[in-house]
Amino acid sequence: MAMKGKNCVAIAADRRFGIQAQMVTTDFQKIFPMGDRLYIGLAGLATDVQTV
């Protein structure tokens, strides 16, 4: 989820990693800085996120 304000931006994502009711970890990063003013949020399988 992302929201834009007049002079700000907020990006939120859960840190849960698992399949349905099975949880592997709750410390999986899904938002990554790509530059000073650019971030990317990735969803999907951990292997997909690691590949990108």
N, C-alpha and C. Protein backbone atom coordinates (compact mmCIF):
# COMPACT_ATOMS: atom_id res chain seq x y z
N MET A 1 0.84 -1.15 0.00
CA MET A 1 0.00 0.00 0.00
C MET A 1 0.90 1.22 0.00
N ALA A 2 0.50 2.22 -0.76
CA ALA A 2 1.25 3.47 -0.79
C ALA A 2 0.27 4.64 -0.81
N MET A 3 0.67 5.73 -0.18
CA MET A 3 -0.14 6.94 -0.15
C MET A 3 0.76 8.13 -0.43
N LYS A 4 0.22 9.11 -1.14
CA LYS A 4 0.98 10.31 -1.48
C LYS A 4 0.33 11.51 -0.81
N GLY A 5 1.16 12.32 -0.16
CA GLY A 5 0.71 13.56 0.44
C GLY A 5 1.31 14.74 -0.31
N LYS A 6 1.08 15.92 0.20
CA LYS A 6 1.59 17.12 -0.46
C LYS A 6 3.12 17.12 -0.54
N ASN A 7 3.78 16.80 0.56
CA ASN A 7 5.24 16.79 0.59
C ASN A 7 5.79 15.48 1.14
N CYS A 8 5.03 14.40 0.97
CA CYS A 8 5.48 13.13 1.54
C CYS A 8 4.86 11.94 0.81
N VAL A 9 5.45 10.79 1.05
CA VAL A 9 4.95 9.52 0.52
C VAL A 9 5.09 8.49 1.63
N ALA A 10 4.10 7.62 1.77
CA ALA A 10 4.17 6.54 2.75
C ALA A 10 3.97 5.22 2.01
N ILE A 11 4.85 4.26 2.29
CA ILE A 11 4.76 2.93 1.68
C ILE A 11 4.70 1.92 2.81
N ALA A 12 3.75 0.99 2.73
CA ALA A 12 3.60 -0.02 3.78
C ALA A 12 3.47 -1.40 3.15
N ALA A 13 4.03 -2.39 3.81
CA ALA A 13 3.91 -3.78 3.37
C ALA A 13 4.06 -4.68 4.59
N ASP A 14 3.42 -5.82 4.55
CA ASP A 14 3.61 -6.77 5.65
C ASP A 14 4.97 -7.45 5.48
N ARG A 15 5.49 -8.01 6.55
CA ARG A 15 6.80 -8.67 6.50
C ARG A 15 6.64 -10.18 6.66
N ARG A 16 5.40 -10.66 6.50
CA ARG A 16 5.10 -12.08 6.64
C ARG A 16 5.58 -12.84 5.41
N PHE A 17 6.17 -13.99 5.63
CA PHE A 17 6.59 -14.88 4.55
C PHE A 17 6.11 -16.28 4.87
N GLY A 18 5.26 -16.81 4.04
CA GLY A 18 4.74 -18.14 4.26
C GLY A 18 3.72 -18.50 3.20
N ILE A 19 3.13 -19.68 3.37
CA ILE A 19 2.10 -20.17 2.46
C ILE A 19 0.84 -20.43 3.27
N GLN A 20 -0.23 -19.74 2.95
CA GLN A 20 -1.52 -19.83 3.62
C GLN A 20 -1.32 -19.70 5.13
N ALA A 21 -1.64 -20.74 5.91
CA ALA A 21 -1.55 -20.66 7.37
C ALA A 21 -0.13 -20.92 7.88
N GLN A 22 0.75 -21.46 7.04
CA GLN A 22 2.12 -21.75 7.46
C GLN A 22 2.98 -20.49 7.33
N MET A 23 3.59 -20.10 8.43
CA MET A 23 4.43 -18.91 8.42
C MET A 23 5.88 -19.32 8.64
N VAL A 24 6.76 -18.90 7.74
CA VAL A 24 8.18 -19.22 7.84
C VAL A 24 8.90 -18.16 8.67
N THR A 25 8.63 -16.90 8.37
CA THR A 25 9.25 -15.80 9.09
C THR A 25 8.37 -14.56 9.03
N THR A 26 8.61 -13.64 9.91
CA THR A 26 7.89 -12.36 9.88
C THR A 26 8.88 -11.21 9.69
N ASP A 27 10.04 -11.51 9.12
CA ASP A 27 11.08 -10.50 8.91
C ASP A 27 11.59 -10.53 7.46
N PHE A 28 10.66 -10.68 6.51
CA PHE A 28 11.02 -10.76 5.10
C PHE A 28 10.81 -9.40 4.45
N GLN A 29 11.88 -8.81 3.93
CA GLN A 29 11.83 -7.47 3.35
C GLN A 29 11.18 -7.51 1.97
N LYS A 30 10.22 -6.60 1.73
CA LYS A 30 9.53 -6.54 0.44
C LYS A 30 9.63 -5.17 -0.22
N ILE A 31 10.18 -4.18 0.47
CA ILE A 31 10.35 -2.84 -0.09
C ILE A 31 11.85 -2.53 -0.12
N PHE A 32 12.34 -2.15 -1.29
CA PHE A 32 13.77 -1.95 -1.48
C PHE A 32 14.05 -0.58 -2.08
N PRO A 33 15.08 0.12 -1.60
CA PRO A 33 15.46 1.41 -2.22
C PRO A 33 16.17 1.15 -3.55
N MET A 34 15.79 1.90 -4.58
CA MET A 34 16.42 1.78 -5.89
C MET A 34 17.24 3.03 -6.22
N GLY A 35 17.09 4.07 -5.41
CA GLY A 35 17.80 5.33 -5.61
C GLY A 35 17.45 6.26 -4.46
N ASP A 36 17.87 7.50 -4.55
CA ASP A 36 17.59 8.47 -3.49
C ASP A 36 16.09 8.71 -3.31
N ARG A 37 15.34 8.71 -4.40
CA ARG A 37 13.91 9.03 -4.33
C ARG A 37 13.05 7.96 -4.99
N LEU A 38 13.57 6.73 -5.11
CA LEU A 38 12.86 5.66 -5.80
C LEU A 38 12.91 4.38 -4.97
N TYR A 39 11.75 3.81 -4.71
CA TYR A 39 11.65 2.54 -3.98
C TYR A 39 10.80 1.59 -4.79
N ILE A 40 11.02 0.29 -4.61
CA ILE A 40 10.20 -0.72 -5.28
C ILE A 40 9.64 -1.66 -4.22
N GLY A 41 8.38 -2.00 -4.36
CA GLY A 41 7.74 -2.97 -3.49
C GLY A 41 7.42 -4.21 -4.29
N LEU A 42 7.83 -5.37 -3.81
CA LEU A 42 7.65 -6.62 -4.54
C LEU A 42 6.77 -7.58 -3.75
N ALA A 43 5.89 -8.23 -4.44
CA ALA A 43 5.04 -9.26 -3.84
C ALA A 43 5.32 -10.58 -4.53
N GLY A 44 4.90 -11.66 -3.93
CA GLY A 44 5.08 -12.96 -4.56
C GLY A 44 6.00 -13.85 -3.76
N LEU A 45 6.50 -14.86 -4.42
CA LEU A 45 7.37 -15.85 -3.77
C LEU A 45 8.73 -15.25 -3.44
N ALA A 46 9.34 -15.76 -2.40
CA ALA A 46 10.65 -15.26 -1.98
C ALA A 46 11.68 -15.44 -3.08
N THR A 47 11.62 -16.55 -3.81
CA THR A 47 12.59 -16.77 -4.88
C THR A 47 12.42 -15.73 -5.99
N ASP A 48 11.19 -15.30 -6.25
CA ASP A 48 10.96 -14.26 -7.25
C ASP A 48 11.56 -12.94 -6.79
N VAL A 49 11.36 -12.60 -5.53
CA VAL A 49 11.89 -11.35 -4.98
C VAL A 49 13.41 -11.38 -5.00
N GLN A 50 14.01 -12.50 -4.65
CA GLN A 50 15.46 -12.61 -4.63
C GLN A 50 16.05 -12.55 -6.04
N THR A 51 15.33 -13.07 -7.04
CA THR A 51 15.79 -13.04 -8.42
C THR A 51 15.81 -11.62 -8.96
N VAL A 52 14.75 -10.85 -8.64
CA VAL A 52 14.67 -9.47 -9.13
C VAL A 52 15.71 -8.64 -8.43
